PDB file of N, CA and C in Angstrom:
ATOM      1  N   MET A   1      15.813 -41.395 -11.923  1.00  0.00           N
ATOM      2  CA  MET A   1      16.282 -40.179 -12.571  1.00  0.00           C
ATOM      3  C   MET A   1      17.030 -39.318 -11.565  1.00  0.00           C
ATOM      4  N   ALA A   2      18.155 -38.803 -11.974  1.00  0.00           N
ATOM      5  CA  ALA A   2      18.988 -37.990 -11.093  1.00  0.00           C
ATOM      6  C   ALA A   2      18.369 -36.612 -10.868  1.00  0.00           C
ATOM      7  N   PRO A   3      18.400 -36.136  -9.630  1.00  0.00           N
ATOM      8  CA  PRO A   3      17.945 -34.774  -9.373  1.00  0.00           C
ATOM      9  C   PRO A   3      18.781 -33.777 -10.182  1.00  0.00           C
ATOM     10  N   GLN A   4      18.153 -32.714 -10.617  1.00  0.00           N
ATOM     11  CA  GLN A   4      18.820 -31.731 -11.473  1.00  0.00           C
ATOM     12  C   GLN A   4      20.054 -31.122 -10.824  1.00  0.00           C
ATOM     13  N   TYR A   5      20.016 -30.925  -9.524  1.00  0.00           N
ATOM     14  CA  TYR A   5      21.128 -30.242  -8.864  1.00  0.00           C
ATOM     15  C   TYR A   5      21.955 -31.168  -7.984  1.00  0.00           C
ATOM     16  N   ALA A   6      22.084 -32.430  -8.384  1.00  0.00           N
ATOM     17  CA  ALA A   6      22.894 -33.383  -7.626  1.00  0.00           C
ATOM     18  C   ALA A   6      24.352 -32.927  -7.634  1.00  0.00           C
ATOM     19  N   VAL A   7      25.027 -33.142  -6.526  1.00  0.00           N
ATOM     20  CA  VAL A   7      26.449 -32.814  -6.421  1.00  0.00           C
ATOM     21  C   VAL A   7      27.220 -34.109  -6.680  1.00  0.00           C
ATOM     22  N   TRP A   8      27.815 -34.201  -7.864  1.00  0.00           N
ATOM     23  CA  TRP A   8      28.534 -35.400  -8.270  1.00  0.00           C
ATOM     24  C   TRP A   8      29.980 -35.315  -7.799  1.00  0.00           C
ATOM     25  N   ARG A   9      30.494 -36.438  -7.296  1.00  0.00           N
ATOM     26  CA  ARG A   9      31.877 -36.495  -6.795  1.00  0.00           C
ATOM     27  C   ARG A   9      32.623 -37.635  -7.470  1.00  0.00           C
ATOM     28  N   LYS A  10      33.904 -37.408  -7.683  1.00  0.00           N
ATOM     29  CA  LYS A  10      34.769 -38.415  -8.299  1.00  0.00           C
ATOM     30  C   LYS A  10      35.920 -38.693  -7.339  1.00  0.00           C
ATOM     31  N   SER A  11      36.333 -39.939  -7.255  1.00  0.00           N
ATOM     32  CA  SER A  11      37.411 -40.322  -6.353  1.00  0.00           C
ATOM     33  C   SER A  11      38.707 -39.602  -6.698  1.00  0.00           C
ATOM     34  N   THR A  12      39.478 -39.299  -5.680  1.00  0.00           N
ATOM     35  CA  THR A  12      40.801 -38.716  -5.911  1.00  0.00           C
ATOM     36  C   THR A  12      41.764 -39.764  -6.470  1.00  0.00           C
ATOM     37  N   HIS A  13      41.357 -41.025  -6.453  1.00  0.00           N
ATOM     38  CA  HIS A  13      42.163 -42.116  -7.011  1.00  0.00           C
ATOM     39  C   HIS A  13      41.827 -42.369  -8.474  1.00  0.00           C
ATOM     40  N   SER A  14      41.054 -41.499  -9.086  1.00  0.00           N
ATOM     41  CA  SER A  14      40.625 -41.677 -10.467  1.00  0.00           C
ATOM     42  C   SER A  14      41.802 -41.680 -11.425  1.00  0.00           C
ATOM     43  N   ALA A  15      41.643 -42.443 -12.487  1.00  0.00           N
ATOM     44  CA  ALA A  15      42.677 -42.506 -13.523  1.00  0.00           C
ATOM     45  C   ALA A  15      42.732 -41.186 -14.280  1.00  0.00           C
ATOM     46  N   PRO A  16      43.922 -40.748 -14.685  1.00  0.00           N
ATOM     47  CA  PRO A  16      44.041 -39.466 -15.389  1.00  0.00           C
ATOM     48  C   PRO A  16      43.407 -39.479 -16.787  1.00  0.00           C
ATOM     49  N   ASP A  17      43.164 -40.663 -17.348  1.00  0.00           N
ATOM     50  CA  ASP A  17      42.581 -40.734 -18.684  1.00  0.00           C
ATOM     51  C   ASP A  17      41.057 -40.662 -18.672  1.00  0.00           C
ATOM     52  N   GLY A  18      40.473 -40.461 -17.509  1.00  0.00           N
ATOM     53  CA  GLY A  18      39.039 -40.231 -17.421  1.00  0.00           C
ATOM     54  C   GLY A  18      38.174 -41.465 -17.310  1.00  0.00           C
ATOM     55  N   GLU A  19      38.756 -42.633 -17.091  1.00  0.00           N
ATOM     56  CA  GLU A  19      37.958 -43.847 -16.942  1.00  0.00           C
ATOM     57  C   GLU A  19      37.506 -43.969 -15.497  1.00  0.00           C
ATOM     58  N   CYS A  20      36.457 -43.216 -15.160  1.00  0.00           N
ATOM     59  CA  CYS A  20      36.031 -43.091 -13.774  1.00  0.00           C
ATOM     60  C   CYS A  20      34.516 -43.138 -13.673  1.00  0.00           C
ATOM     61  N   VAL A  21      34.054 -43.310 -12.454  1.00  0.00           N
ATOM     62  CA  VAL A  21      32.639 -43.143 -12.166  1.00  0.00           C
ATOM     63  C   VAL A  21      32.499 -41.991 -11.182  1.00  0.00           C
ATOM     64  N   GLU A  22      31.323 -41.404 -11.190  1.00  0.00           N
ATOM     65  CA  GLU A  22      30.993 -40.349 -10.235  1.00  0.00           C
ATOM     66  C   GLU A  22      29.809 -40.836  -9.418  1.00  0.00           C
ATOM     67  N   ALA A  23      29.714 -40.351  -8.199  1.00  0.00           N
ATOM     68  CA  ALA A  23      28.603 -40.709  -7.322  1.00  0.00           C
ATOM     69  C   ALA A  23      28.003 -39.450  -6.723  1.00  0.00           C
ATOM     70  N   ALA A  24      26.707 -39.521  -6.440  1.00  0.00           N
ATOM     71  CA  ALA A  24      26.005 -38.397  -5.814  1.00  0.00           C
ATOM     72  C   ALA A  24      24.949 -38.952  -4.865  1.00  0.00           C
ATOM     73  N   ARG A  25      24.795 -38.325  -3.724  1.00  0.00           N
ATOM     74  CA  ARG A  25      23.735 -38.683  -2.771  1.00  0.00           C
ATOM     75  C   ARG A  25      22.488 -37.924  -3.184  1.00  0.00           C
ATOM     76  N   PHE A  26      21.383 -38.637  -3.353  1.00  0.00           N
ATOM     77  CA  PHE A  26      20.130 -38.027  -3.773  1.00  0.00           C
ATOM     78  C   PHE A  26      19.251 -37.732  -2.554  1.00  0.00           C
ATOM     79  N   PRO A  27      18.353 -36.758  -2.661  1.00  0.00           N
ATOM     80  CA  PRO A  27      17.457 -36.430  -1.547  1.00  0.00           C
ATOM     81  C   PRO A  27      16.593 -37.612  -1.104  1.00  0.00           C
ATOM     82  N   SER A  28      16.382 -38.567  -1.996  1.00  0.00           N
ATOM     83  CA  SER A  28      15.571 -39.747  -1.666  1.00  0.00           C
ATOM     84  C   SER A  28      16.303 -40.704  -0.729  1.00  0.00           C
ATOM     85  N   GLY A  29      17.594 -40.441  -0.463  1.00  0.00           N
ATOM     86  CA  GLY A  29      18.384 -41.304   0.395  1.00  0.00           C
ATOM     87  C   GLY A  29      19.120 -42.398  -0.363  1.00  0.00           C
ATOM     88  N   THR A  30      19.095 -42.334  -1.673  1.00  0.00           N
ATOM     89  CA  THR A  30      19.813 -43.298  -2.495  1.00  0.00           C
ATOM     90  C   THR A  30      21.088 -42.652  -3.023  1.00  0.00           C
ATOM     91  N   VAL A  31      21.906 -43.459  -3.703  1.00  0.00           N
ATOM     92  CA  VAL A  31      23.151 -42.963  -4.283  1.00  0.00           C
ATOM     93  C   VAL A  31      23.106 -43.210  -5.791  1.00  0.00           C
ATOM     94  N   GLY A  32      23.399 -42.177  -6.568  1.00  0.00           N
ATOM     95  CA  GLY A  32      23.482 -42.309  -8.007  1.00  0.00           C
ATOM     96  C   GLY A  32      24.921 -42.528  -8.432  1.00  0.00           C
ATOM     97  N   VAL A  33      25.112 -43.376  -9.433  1.00  0.00           N
ATOM     98  CA  VAL A  33      26.443 -43.661  -9.968  1.00  0.00           C
ATOM     99  C   VAL A  33      26.368 -43.495 -11.479  1.00  0.00           C
ATOM    100  N   ARG A  34      27.352 -42.783 -12.056  1.00  0.00           N
ATOM    101  CA  ARG A  34      27.356 -42.566 -13.503  1.00  0.00           C
ATOM    102  C   ARG A  34      28.780 -42.538 -14.043  1.00  0.00           C
ATOM    103  N   ASP A  35      28.903 -42.624 -15.349  1.00  0.00           N
ATOM    104  CA  ASP A  35      30.188 -42.561 -16.050  1.00  0.00           C
ATOM    105  C   ASP A  35      30.627 -41.101 -16.113  1.00  0.00           C
ATOM    106  N   SER A  36      31.822 -40.812 -15.610  1.00  0.00           N
ATOM    107  CA  SER A  36      32.280 -39.423 -15.582  1.00  0.00           C
ATOM    108  C   SER A  36      32.556 -38.866 -16.976  1.00  0.00           C
ATOM    109  N   LYS A  37      32.898 -39.721 -17.934  1.00  0.00           N
ATOM    110  CA  LYS A  37      33.181 -39.225 -19.291  1.00  0.00           C
ATOM    111  C   LYS A  37      31.910 -38.732 -19.962  1.00  0.00           C
ATOM    112  N   ALA A  38      30.780 -39.401 -19.700  1.00  0.00           N
ATOM    113  CA  ALA A  38      29.521 -39.017 -20.334  1.00  0.00           C
ATOM    114  C   ALA A  38      28.776 -37.974 -19.508  1.00  0.00           C
ATOM    115  N   ALA A  39      29.082 -37.890 -18.235  1.00  0.00           N
ATOM    116  CA  ALA A  39      28.502 -36.926 -17.285  1.00  0.00           C
ATOM    117  C   ALA A  39      27.007 -36.726 -17.488  1.00  0.00           C
ATOM    118  N   GLU A  40      26.620 -35.569 -17.987  1.00  0.00           N
ATOM    119  CA  GLU A  40      25.209 -35.201 -18.077  1.00  0.00           C
ATOM    120  C   GLU A  40      24.377 -36.140 -18.955  1.00  0.00           C
ATOM    121  N   THR A  41      24.996 -36.820 -19.905  1.00  0.00           N
ATOM    122  CA  THR A  41      24.247 -37.719 -20.790  1.00  0.00           C
ATOM    123  C   THR A  41      24.338 -39.177 -20.350  1.00  0.00           C
ATOM    124  N   SER A  42      25.082 -39.451 -19.290  1.00  0.00           N
ATOM    125  CA  SER A  42      25.271 -40.823 -18.819  1.00  0.00           C
ATOM    126  C   SER A  42      24.009 -41.366 -18.167  1.00  0.00           C
ATOM    127  N   PRO A  43      23.706 -42.639 -18.423  1.00  0.00           N
ATOM    128  CA  PRO A  43      22.658 -43.273 -17.615  1.00  0.00           C
ATOM    129  C   PRO A  43      23.110 -43.283 -16.155  1.00  0.00           C
ATOM    130  N   VAL A  44      22.172 -43.262 -15.244  1.00  0.00           N
ATOM    131  CA  VAL A  44      22.486 -43.238 -13.818  1.00  0.00           C
ATOM    132  C   VAL A  44      21.946 -44.503 -13.165  1.00  0.00           C
ATOM    133  N   LEU A  45      22.821 -45.198 -12.448  1.00  0.00           N
ATOM    134  CA  LEU A  45      22.388 -46.322 -11.627  1.00  0.00           C
ATOM    135  C   LEU A  45      22.032 -45.765 -10.257  1.00  0.00           C
ATOM    136  N   GLU A  46      20.853 -46.082  -9.764  1.00  0.00           N
ATOM    137  CA  GLU A  46      20.442 -45.590  -8.451  1.00  0.00           C
ATOM    138  C   GLU A  46      20.470 -46.758  -7.473  1.00  0.00           C
ATOM    139  N   LEU A  47      21.302 -46.642  -6.454  1.00  0.00           N
ATOM    140  CA  LEU A  47      21.529 -47.717  -5.490  1.00  0.00           C
ATOM    141  C   LEU A  47      21.028 -47.331  -4.105  1.00  0.00           C
ATOM    142  N   SER A  48      20.520 -48.333  -3.383  1.00  0.00           N
ATOM    143  CA  SER A  48      20.189 -48.101  -1.978  1.00  0.00           C
ATOM    144  C   SER A  48      21.508 -47.938  -1.219  1.00  0.00           C
ATOM    145  N   LEU A  49      21.431 -47.480   0.015  1.00  0.00           N
ATOM    146  CA  LEU A  49      22.662 -47.320   0.803  1.00  0.00           C
ATOM    147  C   LEU A  49      23.339 -48.672   1.036  1.00  0.00           C
ATOM    148  N   ASP A  50      22.557 -49.740   1.220  1.00  0.00           N
ATOM    149  CA  ASP A  50      23.141 -51.074   1.384  1.00  0.00           C
ATOM    150  C   ASP A  50      23.821 -51.530   0.096  1.00  0.00           C
ATOM    151  N   GLU A  51      23.192 -51.280  -1.048  1.00  0.00           N
ATOM    152  CA  GLU A  51      23.804 -51.638  -2.334  1.00  0.00           C
ATOM    153  C   GLU A  51      25.085 -50.842  -2.558  1.00  0.00           C
ATOM    154  N   TRP A  52      25.067 -49.561  -2.212  1.00  0.00           N
ATOM    155  CA  TRP A  52      26.247 -48.714  -2.361  1.00  0.00           C
ATOM    156  C   TRP A  52      27.390 -49.229  -1.482  1.00  0.00           C
ATOM    157  N   ALA A  53      27.075 -49.604  -0.246  1.00  0.00           N
ATOM    158  CA  ALA A  53      28.092 -50.147   0.650  1.00  0.00           C
ATOM    159  C   ALA A  53      28.678 -51.437   0.063  1.00  0.00           C
ATOM    160  N   GLY A  54      27.836 -52.283  -0.516  1.00  0.00           N
ATOM    161  CA  GLY A  54      28.308 -53.505  -1.153  1.00  0.00           C
ATOM    162  C   GLY A  54      29.190 -53.219  -2.355  1.00  0.00           C
ATOM    163  N   PHE A  55      28.808 -52.220  -3.138  1.00  0.00           N
ATOM    164  CA  PHE A  55      29.604 -51.816  -4.299  1.00  0.00           C
ATOM    165  C   PHE A  55      30.987 -51.345  -3.857  1.00  0.00           C
ATOM    166  N   LEU A  56      31.035 -50.492  -2.843  1.00  0.00           N
ATOM    167  CA  LEU A  56      32.318 -49.991  -2.343  1.00  0.00           C
ATOM    168  C   LEU A  56      33.181 -51.125  -1.791  1.00  0.00           C
ATOM    169  N   HIS A  57      32.555 -52.035  -1.064  1.00  0.00           N
ATOM    170  CA  HIS A  57      33.293 -53.178  -0.514  1.00  0.00           C
ATOM    171  C   HIS A  57      33.920 -54.000  -1.639  1.00  0.00           C
ATOM    172  N   ALA A  58      33.142 -54.291  -2.682  1.00  0.00           N
ATOM    173  CA  ALA A  58      33.649 -55.079  -3.811  1.00  0.00           C
ATOM    174  C   ALA A  58      34.745 -54.328  -4.557  1.00  0.00           C
ATOM    175  N   ALA A  59      34.560 -53.030  -4.754  1.00  0.00           N
ATOM    176  CA  ALA A  59      35.568 -52.236  -5.474  1.00  0.00           C
ATOM    177  C   ALA A  59      36.880 -52.180  -4.699  1.00  0.00           C
ATOM    178  N   ARG A  60      36.797 -52.051  -3.402  1.00  0.00           N
ATOM    179  CA  ARG A  60      38.017 -51.982  -2.580  1.00  0.00           C
ATOM    180  C   ARG A  60      38.729 -53.324  -2.497  1.00  0.00           C
ATOM    181  N   ALA A  61      37.981 -54.408  -2.674  1.00  0.00           N
ATOM    182  CA  ALA A  61      38.568 -55.750  -2.597  1.00  0.00           C
ATOM    183  C   ALA A  61      39.280 -56.152  -3.885  1.00  0.00           C
ATOM    184  N   CYS A  62      38.992 -55.445  -4.985  1.00  0.00           N
ATOM    185  CA  CYS A  62      39.603 -55.780  -6.277  1.00  0.00           C
ATOM    186  C   CYS A  62      40.976 -55.127  -6.397  1.00  0.00           C
ATOM    187  N   PRO A  63      41.934 -55.850  -6.946  1.00  0.00           N
ATOM    188  CA  PRO A  63      43.235 -55.213  -7.194  1.00  0.00           C
ATOM    189  C   PRO A  63      43.104 -54.169  -8.298  1.00  0.00           C
ATOM    190  N   ALA A  64      43.948 -53.189  -8.262  1.00  0.00           N
ATOM    191  CA  ALA A  64      43.941 -52.153  -9.312  1.00  0.00           C
ATOM    192  C   ALA A  64      44.234 -52.809 -10.656  1.00  0.00           C
ATOM    193  N   LEU A  65      43.493 -52.396 -11.648  1.00  0.00           N
ATOM    194  CA  LEU A  65      43.677 -52.966 -12.992  1.00  0.00           C
ATOM    195  C   LEU A  65      44.601 -52.120 -13.816  1.00  0.00           C
TER     196      LEU A  65
END
């Protein structure tokens, strides 16, 4: 569950039509990821720092769609 006062951030490379994800660092040391369109009602994936690093690596390796 996401902390109530998490600071959510969206990439500056986000699509203008809102098809984006947001990420927030939680006090537990994990990273939350959610759908920016659903924001407050979006389910949150909670990733360890290693999982987050793997996610970023995979996302950067994919060509833009």
